[in-house]
C-alpha atoms as a PDB file:
ATOM      1  CA  MET A   1     137.207  85.732 108.743  1.00  0.00           C
ATOM      2  CA  PRO A   2     134.964  88.708 107.454  1.00  0.00           C
ATOM      3  CA  LEU A   3     132.183  88.149 105.101  1.00  0.00           C
ATOM      4  CA  THR A   4     132.172  89.179 102.107  1.00  0.00           C
ATOM      5  CA  ILE A   5     129.541  90.284  99.549  1.00  0.00           C
ATOM      6  CA  ASP A   6     130.359  91.055  96.106  1.00  0.00           C
ATOM      7  CA  ARG A   7     128.262  93.960  94.172  1.00  0.00           C
ATOM      8  CA  GLU A   8     126.392  91.282  91.838  1.00  0.00           C
ATOM      9  CA  THR A   9     125.304  89.444  94.667  1.00  0.00           C
ATOM     10  CA  MET A  10     124.042  92.151  96.870  1.00  0.00           C
ATOM     11  CA  GLU A  11     122.073  93.999  93.604  1.00  0.00           C
ATOM     12  CA  LYS A  12     120.135  90.217  93.273  1.00  0.00           C
ATOM     13  CA  HIS A  13     118.844  90.816  96.830  1.00  0.00           C
ATOM     14  CA  PRO A  14     114.924  91.271  97.004  1.00  0.00           C
ATOM     15  CA  LEU A  15     115.951  93.926  99.653  1.00  0.00           C
ATOM     16  CA  TYR A  16     118.869  96.031  97.695  1.00  0.00           C
ATOM     17  CA  LYS A  17     116.028  96.262  94.911  1.00  0.00           C
ATOM     18  CA  GLU A  18     113.297  97.226  97.209  1.00  0.00           C
ATOM     19  CA  GLY A  19     115.400  99.832  98.823  1.00  0.00           C
ATOM     20  CA  ILE A  20     116.336 101.510  95.162  1.00  0.00           C
ATOM     21  CA  GLU A  21     112.504 101.697  94.071  1.00  0.00           C
ATOM     22  CA  LYS A  22     111.851 103.424  97.663  1.00  0.00           C
ATOM     23  CA  GLY A  23     114.131 105.888  97.169  1.00  0.00           C
ATOM     24  CA  LYS A  24     113.205 106.258  93.884  1.00  0.00           C
ATOM     25  CA  LEU A  25     109.648 106.971  94.353  1.00  0.00           C
ATOM     26  CA  GLU A  26     110.837 109.150  97.483  1.00  0.00           C
ATOM     27  CA  ALA A  27     112.506 111.294  95.344  1.00  0.00           C
ATOM     28  CA  LYS A  28     109.820 111.392  92.418  1.00  0.00           C
ATOM     29  CA  ARG A  29     107.473 112.762  95.490  1.00  0.00           C
ATOM     30  CA  GLU A  30     109.856 115.207  96.862  1.00  0.00           C
ATOM     31  CA  ASP A  31     109.703 116.190  92.905  1.00  0.00           C
ATOM     32  CA  ILE A  32     106.014 116.876  92.667  1.00  0.00           C
ATOM     33  CA  ILE A  33     105.763 119.026  95.421  1.00  0.00           C
ATOM     34  CA  LYS A  34     108.813 121.417  94.934  1.00  0.00           C
ATOM     35  CA  LEU A  35     107.215 121.713  91.311  1.00  0.00           C
ATOM     36  CA  TYR A  36     103.835 122.378  92.994  1.00  0.00           C
ATOM     37  CA  LYS A  37     105.124 124.763  95.839  1.00  0.00           C
ATOM     38  CA  LYS A  38     106.940 126.773  93.156  1.00  0.00           C
ATOM     39  CA  THR A  39     104.668 127.206  90.560  1.00  0.00           C
ATOM     40  CA  GLY A  40     101.646 126.356  91.700  1.00  0.00           C
ATOM     41  CA  TRP A  41     100.570 124.181  88.808  1.00  0.00           C
ATOM     42  CA  ASP A  42      98.038 121.509  89.357  1.00  0.00           C
ATOM     43  CA  PHE A  43      98.166 118.242  89.849  1.00  0.00           C
ATOM     44  CA  GLU A  44      97.257 117.094  85.851  1.00  0.00           C
ATOM     45  CA  LYS A  45     100.180 119.698  84.831  1.00  0.00           C
ATOM     46  CA  ILE A  46     102.308 118.630  86.820  1.00  0.00           C
ATOM     47  CA  ALA A  47     101.746 114.583  86.064  1.00  0.00           C
ATOM     48  CA  ASP A  48     102.538 115.476  82.366  1.00  0.00           C
ATOM     49  CA  ILE A  49     105.504 117.388  83.019  1.00  0.00           C
ATOM     50  CA  LEU A  50     107.065 114.704  85.081  1.00  0.00           C
ATOM     51  CA  GLU A  51     105.215 111.872  83.336  1.00  0.00           C
ATOM     52  CA  LEU A  52     103.809 110.601  86.180  1.00  0.00           C
ATOM     53  CA  PRO A  53     100.091 109.123  86.645  1.00  0.00           C
ATOM     54  CA  VAL A  54      97.534 111.721  87.651  1.00  0.00           C
ATOM     55  CA  ASN A  55      96.732 109.974  90.438  1.00  0.00           C
ATOM     56  CA  PHE A  56      99.964 109.508  91.911  1.00  0.00           C
ATOM     57  CA  VAL A  57     100.297 113.277  91.590  1.00  0.00           C
ATOM     58  CA  LYS A  58      96.740 114.115  92.903  1.00  0.00           C
ATOM     59  CA  GLU A  59      97.289 111.282  95.925  1.00  0.00           C
ATOM     60  CA  VAL A  60     100.872 113.176  97.216  1.00  0.00           C
ATOM     61  CA  LEU A  61      99.508 116.545  96.805  1.00  0.00           C
ATOM     62  CA  GLU A  62      96.675 115.538  98.655  1.00  0.00           C
ATOM     63  CA  GLU A  63      98.956 114.373 101.615  1.00  0.00           C
ATOM     64  CA  GLU A  64     100.973 116.945 101.587  1.00  0.00           C
ATOM     65  CA  LYS A  65      98.216 119.407 102.492  1.00  0.00           C
END
């Protein structure tokens, strides 16, 4: 008999939540890098536009260099 897991149970699992958060974080990183490459804006302006902490944006851009 196959094991079935309903959506509600799956969404409550910590690994599922962790995966979702990791995906959101990666998407934010990609947005930061794309904005920087296309506009040349500094990290403060990108942080303001994306409504993210300045330190996070600065860290992402430093890693990209």
